Amino acid sequence: KIIKFFPLFYIFAILLIITTSGKVNGAQCEKEIGICDENCSSKCEASKNGKGICEKSSSNDIGTCKCLYECDGNGDESLSQINRKCNVGIGPCSEHCNDGCCDRNCAIKYPEKQQGYGVCLNIVGIPSSRQCVCYYNC
């Protein structure tokens, strides 16, 4: 019986790896889009097809509406680059490519207006746990 289920398990394992790696490589971005109110999520969905969340520094604070979305690379030039922070993993760090190398690679990949920089971070659940993560303006 185990042999019959092996091909199914094999396919499931491959799909799981592909799905997980896609999440690491997808550029996740956030942009402050105003004060936190009941329209936070709908404003984010309409402008960036993303998810709006409210961040409050205290219980009495009005809070800020942040839009979390994936960067499509077609940045809207009419919007300010300020407060649009994105990050993406570009591969593992190693003794051959440490923080300095990661930072240089990110600066090359996301130059000028994107102001890319990178750091090596330990990411839980990734086989090679130290990953080069680039931060840049989308």
N, C-alpha and C. Protein backbone atom coordinates (compact mmCIF):
# COMPACT_ATOMS: atom_id res chain seq x y z
N LYS A 1 0.82 -1.20 0.00
CA LYS A 1 0.00 0.00 0.00
C LYS A 1 0.86 1.26 0.00
N ILE A 2 1.99 1.21 0.66
CA ILE A 2 2.86 2.37 0.72
C ILE A 2 3.34 2.74 -0.68
N ILE A 3 3.63 1.74 -1.50
CA ILE A 3 4.12 2.00 -2.85
C ILE A 3 3.07 2.74 -3.68
N LYS A 4 1.79 2.43 -3.47
CA LYS A 4 0.72 3.11 -4.21
C LYS A 4 0.65 4.59 -3.86
N PHE A 5 0.93 4.92 -2.60
CA PHE A 5 0.84 6.31 -2.16
C PHE A 5 2.12 7.10 -2.41
N PHE A 6 3.22 6.43 -2.72
CA PHE A 6 4.49 7.13 -2.91
C PHE A 6 4.43 8.18 -4.01
N PRO A 7 3.90 7.88 -5.22
CA PRO A 7 3.84 8.93 -6.25
C PRO A 7 3.03 10.14 -5.81
N LEU A 8 1.94 9.91 -5.11
CA LEU A 8 1.11 11.02 -4.62
C LEU A 8 1.89 11.84 -3.60
N PHE A 9 2.60 11.16 -2.69
CA PHE A 9 3.41 11.86 -1.69
C PHE A 9 4.51 12.68 -2.38
N TYR A 10 5.14 12.09 -3.39
CA TYR A 10 6.21 12.76 -4.13
C TYR A 10 5.70 14.04 -4.79
N ILE A 11 4.54 13.97 -5.43
CA ILE A 11 3.95 15.15 -6.07
C ILE A 11 3.61 16.21 -5.02
N PHE A 12 3.04 15.78 -3.89
CA PHE A 12 2.70 16.71 -2.81
C PHE A 12 3.95 17.41 -2.29
N ALA A 13 5.03 16.67 -2.11
CA ALA A 13 6.28 17.25 -1.60
C ALA A 13 6.83 18.29 -2.56
N ILE A 14 6.79 18.01 -3.86
CA ILE A 14 7.28 18.97 -4.86
C ILE A 14 6.43 20.23 -4.85
N LEU A 15 5.11 20.07 -4.79
CA LEU A 15 4.22 21.24 -4.75
C LEU A 15 4.48 22.08 -3.50
N LEU A 16 4.72 21.42 -2.38
CA LEU A 16 5.00 22.14 -1.14
C LEU A 16 6.29 22.94 -1.26
N ILE A 17 7.32 22.38 -1.85
CA ILE A 17 8.59 23.08 -2.02
C ILE A 17 8.42 24.27 -2.95
N ILE A 18 7.72 24.08 -4.06
CA ILE A 18 7.50 25.17 -5.01
C ILE A 18 6.71 26.29 -4.36
N THR A 19 5.65 25.95 -3.64
CA THR A 19 4.82 26.96 -2.97
C THR A 19 5.62 27.73 -1.94
N THR A 20 6.40 27.02 -1.14
CA THR A 20 7.19 27.68 -0.10
C THR A 20 8.25 28.58 -0.70
N SER A 21 8.94 28.11 -1.74
CA SER A 21 9.99 28.93 -2.33
C SER A 21 9.41 30.15 -3.01
N GLY A 22 8.21 30.07 -3.54
CA GLY A 22 7.58 31.24 -4.15
C GLY A 22 7.33 32.33 -3.15
N LYS A 23 6.98 31.95 -1.93
CA LYS A 23 6.72 32.95 -0.90
C LYS A 23 8.00 33.67 -0.50
N VAL A 24 9.10 32.96 -0.53
CA VAL A 24 10.37 33.58 -0.16
C VAL A 24 10.81 34.56 -1.24
N ASN A 25 10.60 34.21 -2.50
CA ASN A 25 11.08 35.03 -3.60
C ASN A 25 10.14 36.16 -3.99
N GLY A 26 8.88 36.11 -3.59
CA GLY A 26 7.93 37.17 -3.92
C GLY A 26 8.24 38.42 -3.13
N ALA A 27 8.23 39.58 -3.79
CA ALA A 27 8.54 40.83 -3.11
C ALA A 27 7.32 41.29 -2.32
N GLN A 28 7.47 41.37 -1.02
CA GLN A 28 6.40 41.84 -0.15
C GLN A 28 6.64 43.31 0.15
N CYS A 29 5.62 44.13 -0.05
CA CYS A 29 5.77 45.56 0.11
C CYS A 29 4.74 46.10 1.08
N GLU A 30 5.04 47.26 1.65
CA GLU A 30 4.06 47.93 2.50
C GLU A 30 4.12 49.42 2.24
N LYS A 31 2.97 50.05 2.35
CA LYS A 31 2.87 51.49 2.12
C LYS A 31 1.87 52.06 3.11
N GLU A 32 2.25 53.15 3.77
CA GLU A 32 1.31 53.83 4.65
C GLU A 32 0.32 54.58 3.78
N ILE A 33 -0.99 54.35 4.02
CA ILE A 33 -2.00 54.98 3.16
C ILE A 33 -2.98 55.84 3.97
N GLY A 34 -2.56 56.29 5.14
CA GLY A 34 -3.39 57.20 5.91
C GLY A 34 -3.69 56.69 7.30
N ILE A 35 -4.71 57.31 7.90
CA ILE A 35 -5.08 56.92 9.26
C ILE A 35 -5.88 55.62 9.23
N CYS A 36 -5.88 54.95 10.35
CA CYS A 36 -6.60 53.69 10.46
C CYS A 36 -8.09 53.97 10.67
N ASP A 37 -8.91 53.50 9.77
CA ASP A 37 -10.36 53.63 9.92
C ASP A 37 -11.02 52.39 9.32
N GLU A 38 -12.34 52.39 9.25
CA GLU A 38 -13.06 51.21 8.75
C GLU A 38 -12.81 50.96 7.26
N ASN A 39 -12.25 51.94 6.56
CA ASN A 39 -12.00 51.80 5.12
C ASN A 39 -10.57 51.36 4.80
N CYS A 40 -9.77 51.08 5.81
CA CYS A 40 -8.36 50.75 5.60
C CYS A 40 -8.20 49.59 4.61
N SER A 41 -8.86 48.49 4.87
CA SER A 41 -8.70 47.31 4.03
C SER A 41 -9.22 47.54 2.61
N SER A 42 -10.37 48.20 2.48
CA SER A 42 -10.94 48.42 1.15
C SER A 42 -10.09 49.40 0.34
N LYS A 43 -9.50 50.42 1.00
CA LYS A 43 -8.61 51.36 0.29
C LYS A 43 -7.40 50.63 -0.26
N CYS A 44 -6.86 49.72 0.53
CA CYS A 44 -5.69 48.96 0.12
C CYS A 44 -6.04 48.02 -1.04
N GLU A 45 -7.16 47.34 -0.94
CA GLU A 45 -7.58 46.44 -2.01
C GLU A 45 -7.77 47.20 -3.32
N ALA A 46 -8.37 48.39 -3.23
CA ALA A 46 -8.63 49.18 -4.44
C ALA A 46 -7.35 49.72 -5.07
N SER A 47 -6.40 50.18 -4.24
CA SER A 47 -5.21 50.82 -4.80
C SER A 47 -4.10 49.84 -5.16
N LYS A 48 -3.92 48.77 -4.39
CA LYS A 48 -2.78 47.88 -4.60
C LYS A 48 -3.15 46.41 -4.68
N ASN A 49 -4.44 46.10 -4.62
CA ASN A 49 -4.88 44.71 -4.58
C ASN A 49 -4.18 43.97 -3.44
N GLY A 50 -4.09 44.67 -2.30
CA GLY A 50 -3.40 44.11 -1.14
C GLY A 50 -4.31 43.99 0.05
N LYS A 51 -3.70 43.86 1.22
CA LYS A 51 -4.43 43.70 2.47
C LYS A 51 -4.07 44.86 3.39
N GLY A 52 -5.08 45.58 3.86
CA GLY A 52 -4.86 46.70 4.77
C GLY A 52 -4.85 46.24 6.21
N ILE A 53 -3.88 46.73 6.98
CA ILE A 53 -3.83 46.43 8.41
C ILE A 53 -3.63 47.73 9.18
N CYS A 54 -4.14 47.76 10.39
CA CYS A 54 -3.99 48.93 11.25
C CYS A 54 -2.86 48.69 12.23
N GLU A 55 -1.99 49.68 12.35
CA GLU A 55 -0.91 49.61 13.34
C GLU A 55 -1.09 50.75 14.31
N LYS A 56 -1.18 50.42 15.59
CA LYS A 56 -1.34 51.43 16.64
C LYS A 56 -0.18 51.32 17.61
N SER A 57 0.37 52.48 18.01
CA SER A 57 1.47 52.46 18.97
C SER A 57 0.95 52.32 20.40
N SER A 58 -0.31 52.69 20.62
CA SER A 58 -0.94 52.52 21.94
C SER A 58 -2.44 52.34 21.73
N SER A 59 -3.15 51.96 22.79
CA SER A 59 -4.59 51.72 22.66
C SER A 59 -5.35 53.02 22.38
N ASN A 60 -4.80 54.16 22.78
CA ASN A 60 -5.46 55.45 22.54
C ASN A 60 -5.09 56.06 21.19
N ASP A 61 -4.10 55.49 20.53
CA ASP A 61 -3.62 56.01 19.25
C ASP A 61 -4.63 55.75 18.14
N ILE A 62 -4.81 56.71 17.23
CA ILE A 62 -5.70 56.54 16.07
C ILE A 62 -5.15 55.43 15.18
N GLY A 63 -3.85 55.41 14.99
CA GLY A 63 -3.21 54.35 14.22
C GLY A 63 -3.01 54.72 12.77
N THR A 64 -2.18 53.92 12.13
CA THR A 64 -1.83 54.11 10.73
C THR A 64 -2.32 52.92 9.93
N CYS A 65 -2.89 53.20 8.77
CA CYS A 65 -3.32 52.13 7.87
C CYS A 65 -2.14 51.79 6.96
N LYS A 66 -1.70 50.54 7.02
CA LYS A 66 -0.61 50.08 6.16
C LYS A 66 -1.17 49.07 5.17
N CYS A 67 -0.76 49.24 3.94
CA CYS A 67 -1.19 48.34 2.86
C CYS A 67 -0.06 47.36 2.57
N LEU A 68 -0.33 46.07 2.70
CA LEU A 68 0.64 45.02 2.40
C LEU A 68 0.28 44.43 1.04
N TYR A 69 1.24 44.42 0.12
CA TYR A 69 0.96 43.98 -1.24
C TYR A 69 2.23 43.43 -1.88
N GLU A 70 2.06 42.79 -3.01
CA GLU A 70 3.21 42.29 -3.76
C GLU A 70 3.61 43.32 -4.80
N CYS A 71 4.91 43.55 -4.90
CA CYS A 71 5.42 44.52 -5.86
C CYS A 71 5.38 43.90 -7.25
N ASP A 72 4.74 44.59 -8.19
CA ASP A 72 4.65 44.07 -9.55
C ASP A 72 5.74 44.63 -10.45
N GLY A 73 6.59 45.52 -9.89
CA GLY A 73 7.67 46.09 -10.67
C GLY A 73 7.24 47.26 -11.52
N ASN A 74 5.94 47.54 -11.60
CA ASN A 74 5.44 48.68 -12.36
C ASN A 74 5.03 49.78 -11.39
N GLY A 75 6.02 50.33 -10.68
CA GLY A 75 5.73 51.33 -9.66
C GLY A 75 4.95 52.50 -10.22
N ASP A 76 3.95 52.93 -9.49
CA ASP A 76 3.13 54.06 -9.91
C ASP A 76 3.94 55.33 -9.66
N GLU A 77 4.41 55.96 -10.72
CA GLU A 77 5.30 57.12 -10.59
C GLU A 77 4.60 58.32 -9.96
N SER A 78 3.27 58.36 -9.99
CA SER A 78 2.56 59.49 -9.40
C SER A 78 2.57 59.42 -7.87
N LEU A 79 2.85 58.25 -7.33
CA LEU A 79 2.89 58.09 -5.88
C LEU A 79 4.32 58.32 -5.38
N SER A 80 4.42 58.87 -4.19
CA SER A 80 5.72 59.12 -3.60
C SER A 80 6.43 57.80 -3.31
N GLN A 81 7.75 57.78 -3.48
CA GLN A 81 8.53 56.59 -3.17
C GLN A 81 8.66 56.41 -1.65
N ILE A 82 8.40 57.47 -0.90
CA ILE A 82 8.53 57.41 0.55
C ILE A 82 7.43 56.51 1.11
N ASN A 83 7.77 55.74 2.13
CA ASN A 83 6.84 54.86 2.83
C ASN A 83 6.40 53.66 1.99
N ARG A 84 7.09 53.35 0.91
CA ARG A 84 6.78 52.14 0.14
C ARG A 84 7.99 51.22 0.24
N LYS A 85 8.00 50.39 1.26
CA LYS A 85 9.16 49.53 1.54
C LYS A 85 8.84 48.12 1.07
N CYS A 86 9.78 47.51 0.36
CA CYS A 86 9.59 46.16 -0.14
C CYS A 86 10.80 45.31 0.24
N ASN A 87 10.59 44.00 0.31
CA ASN A 87 11.72 43.11 0.54
C ASN A 87 11.51 41.82 -0.23
N VAL A 88 12.63 41.24 -0.61
CA VAL A 88 12.59 39.98 -1.35
C VAL A 88 13.88 39.21 -1.08
N GLY A 89 13.75 37.90 -0.93
CA GLY A 89 14.92 37.05 -0.78
C GLY A 89 15.51 36.75 -2.14
N ILE A 90 16.84 36.88 -2.27
CA ILE A 90 17.47 36.62 -3.57
C ILE A 90 18.41 35.42 -3.53
N GLY A 91 18.45 34.70 -2.43
CA GLY A 91 19.27 33.50 -2.37
C GLY A 91 19.98 33.36 -1.05
N PRO A 92 20.68 32.25 -0.89
CA PRO A 92 21.35 31.98 0.39
C PRO A 92 22.62 32.80 0.58
N CYS A 93 22.92 33.10 1.83
CA CYS A 93 24.21 33.67 2.19
C CYS A 93 25.14 32.52 2.54
N SER A 94 26.43 32.74 2.41
CA SER A 94 27.41 31.69 2.70
C SER A 94 28.72 32.35 3.09
N GLU A 95 29.74 31.54 3.29
CA GLU A 95 31.06 32.11 3.59
C GLU A 95 31.61 32.85 2.38
N HIS A 96 31.12 32.50 1.17
CA HIS A 96 31.56 33.17 -0.06
C HIS A 96 30.77 34.45 -0.31
N CYS A 97 29.56 34.53 0.21
CA CYS A 97 28.73 35.73 0.03
C CYS A 97 28.05 36.04 1.36
N ASN A 98 28.69 36.94 2.13
CA ASN A 98 28.17 37.31 3.45
C ASN A 98 27.40 38.63 3.35
N ASP A 99 27.28 39.36 4.46
CA ASP A 99 26.50 40.60 4.48
C ASP A 99 26.96 41.63 3.45
N GLY A 100 28.27 41.82 3.32
CA GLY A 100 28.78 42.81 2.36
C GLY A 100 28.42 42.45 0.93
N CYS A 101 28.59 41.18 0.59
CA CYS A 101 28.26 40.68 -0.75
C CYS A 101 26.76 40.80 -1.00
N CYS A 102 25.96 40.43 -0.01
CA CYS A 102 24.50 40.51 -0.11
C CYS A 102 24.07 41.96 -0.36
N ASP A 103 24.66 42.89 0.41
CA ASP A 103 24.33 44.31 0.26
C ASP A 103 24.68 44.81 -1.14
N ARG A 104 25.85 44.44 -1.65
CA ARG A 104 26.26 44.86 -3.00
C ARG A 104 25.32 44.29 -4.06
N ASN A 105 24.97 43.01 -3.93
CA ASN A 105 24.07 42.38 -4.90
C ASN A 105 22.71 43.07 -4.93
N CYS A 106 22.21 43.46 -3.76
CA CYS A 106 20.92 44.15 -3.69
C CYS A 106 21.01 45.55 -4.28
N ALA A 107 22.12 46.23 -4.03
CA ALA A 107 22.31 47.58 -4.59
C ALA A 107 22.37 47.52 -6.12
N ILE A 108 22.96 46.45 -6.66
CA ILE A 108 23.02 46.28 -8.11
C ILE A 108 21.64 45.92 -8.67
N LYS A 109 20.93 45.03 -7.98
CA LYS A 109 19.62 44.57 -8.44
C LYS A 109 18.56 45.66 -8.34
N TYR A 110 18.65 46.52 -7.31
CA TYR A 110 17.67 47.59 -7.10
C TYR A 110 18.40 48.93 -6.96
N PRO A 111 18.89 49.49 -8.09
CA PRO A 111 19.71 50.71 -8.05
C PRO A 111 18.90 51.99 -7.97
N GLU A 112 19.62 53.10 -7.83
CA GLU A 112 19.12 54.47 -7.91
C GLU A 112 17.88 54.73 -7.07
N LYS A 113 16.74 55.01 -7.71
CA LYS A 113 15.53 55.38 -6.97
C LYS A 113 15.05 54.27 -6.04
N GLN A 114 15.35 53.03 -6.39
CA GLN A 114 14.90 51.92 -5.56
C GLN A 114 15.71 51.81 -4.27
N GLN A 115 16.92 52.39 -4.25
CA GLN A 115 17.77 52.44 -3.06
C GLN A 115 17.89 51.08 -2.37
N GLY A 116 18.24 50.06 -3.13
CA GLY A 116 18.33 48.72 -2.58
C GLY A 116 19.51 48.51 -1.66
N TYR A 117 19.27 47.77 -0.60
CA TYR A 117 20.34 47.32 0.29
C TYR A 117 19.95 45.94 0.82
N GLY A 118 20.92 45.18 1.28
CA GLY A 118 20.62 43.82 1.71
C GLY A 118 21.36 43.40 2.95
N VAL A 119 20.78 42.42 3.62
CA VAL A 119 21.38 41.81 4.81
C VAL A 119 21.11 40.31 4.78
N CYS A 120 21.98 39.58 5.44
CA CYS A 120 21.77 38.14 5.59
C CYS A 120 20.95 37.91 6.86
N LEU A 121 19.84 37.19 6.71
CA LEU A 121 18.95 36.93 7.83
C LEU A 121 18.73 35.43 7.99
N ASN A 122 18.57 34.99 9.23
CA ASN A 122 18.18 33.60 9.49
C ASN A 122 16.68 33.51 9.33
N ILE A 123 16.21 32.69 8.39
CA ILE A 123 14.78 32.54 8.14
C ILE A 123 14.38 31.13 8.52
N VAL A 124 13.44 31.01 9.45
CA VAL A 124 12.99 29.72 9.93
C VAL A 124 12.21 29.01 8.82
N GLY A 125 12.47 27.72 8.65
CA GLY A 125 11.73 26.93 7.68
C GLY A 125 12.38 26.85 6.32
N ILE A 126 13.47 27.56 6.11
CA ILE A 126 14.18 27.50 4.84
C ILE A 126 15.37 26.55 5.02
N PRO A 127 15.58 25.60 4.08
CA PRO A 127 16.67 24.63 4.25
C PRO A 127 18.03 25.28 4.53
N SER A 128 18.42 26.26 3.74
CA SER A 128 19.64 27.01 4.01
C SER A 128 19.19 28.26 4.76
N SER A 129 19.32 28.26 6.07
CA SER A 129 18.61 29.24 6.89
C SER A 129 19.07 30.69 6.72
N ARG A 130 20.33 30.93 6.34
CA ARG A 130 20.76 32.32 6.15
C ARG A 130 20.49 32.74 4.72
N GLN A 131 19.57 33.68 4.56
CA GLN A 131 19.15 34.14 3.24
C GLN A 131 19.51 35.61 3.05
N CYS A 132 19.87 35.98 1.83
CA CYS A 132 20.11 37.38 1.50
C CYS A 132 18.76 38.01 1.20
N VAL A 133 18.39 39.00 2.00
CA VAL A 133 17.11 39.68 1.83
C VAL A 133 17.37 41.12 1.42
N CYS A 134 16.80 41.52 0.28
CA CYS A 134 16.93 42.89 -0.22
C CYS A 134 15.76 43.73 0.25
N TYR A 135 16.05 44.95 0.66
CA TYR A 135 15.03 45.94 1.00
C TYR A 135 15.16 47.06 -0.02
N TYR A 136 14.04 47.51 -0.56
CA TYR A 136 14.08 48.55 -1.59
C TYR A 136 12.74 49.25 -1.71
N ASN A 137 12.74 50.36 -2.45
CA ASN A 137 11.51 51.08 -2.74
C ASN A 137 10.92 50.51 -4.02
N CYS A 138 9.65 50.15 -3.99
CA CYS A 138 8.99 49.55 -5.15
C CYS A 138 8.57 50.65 -6.13
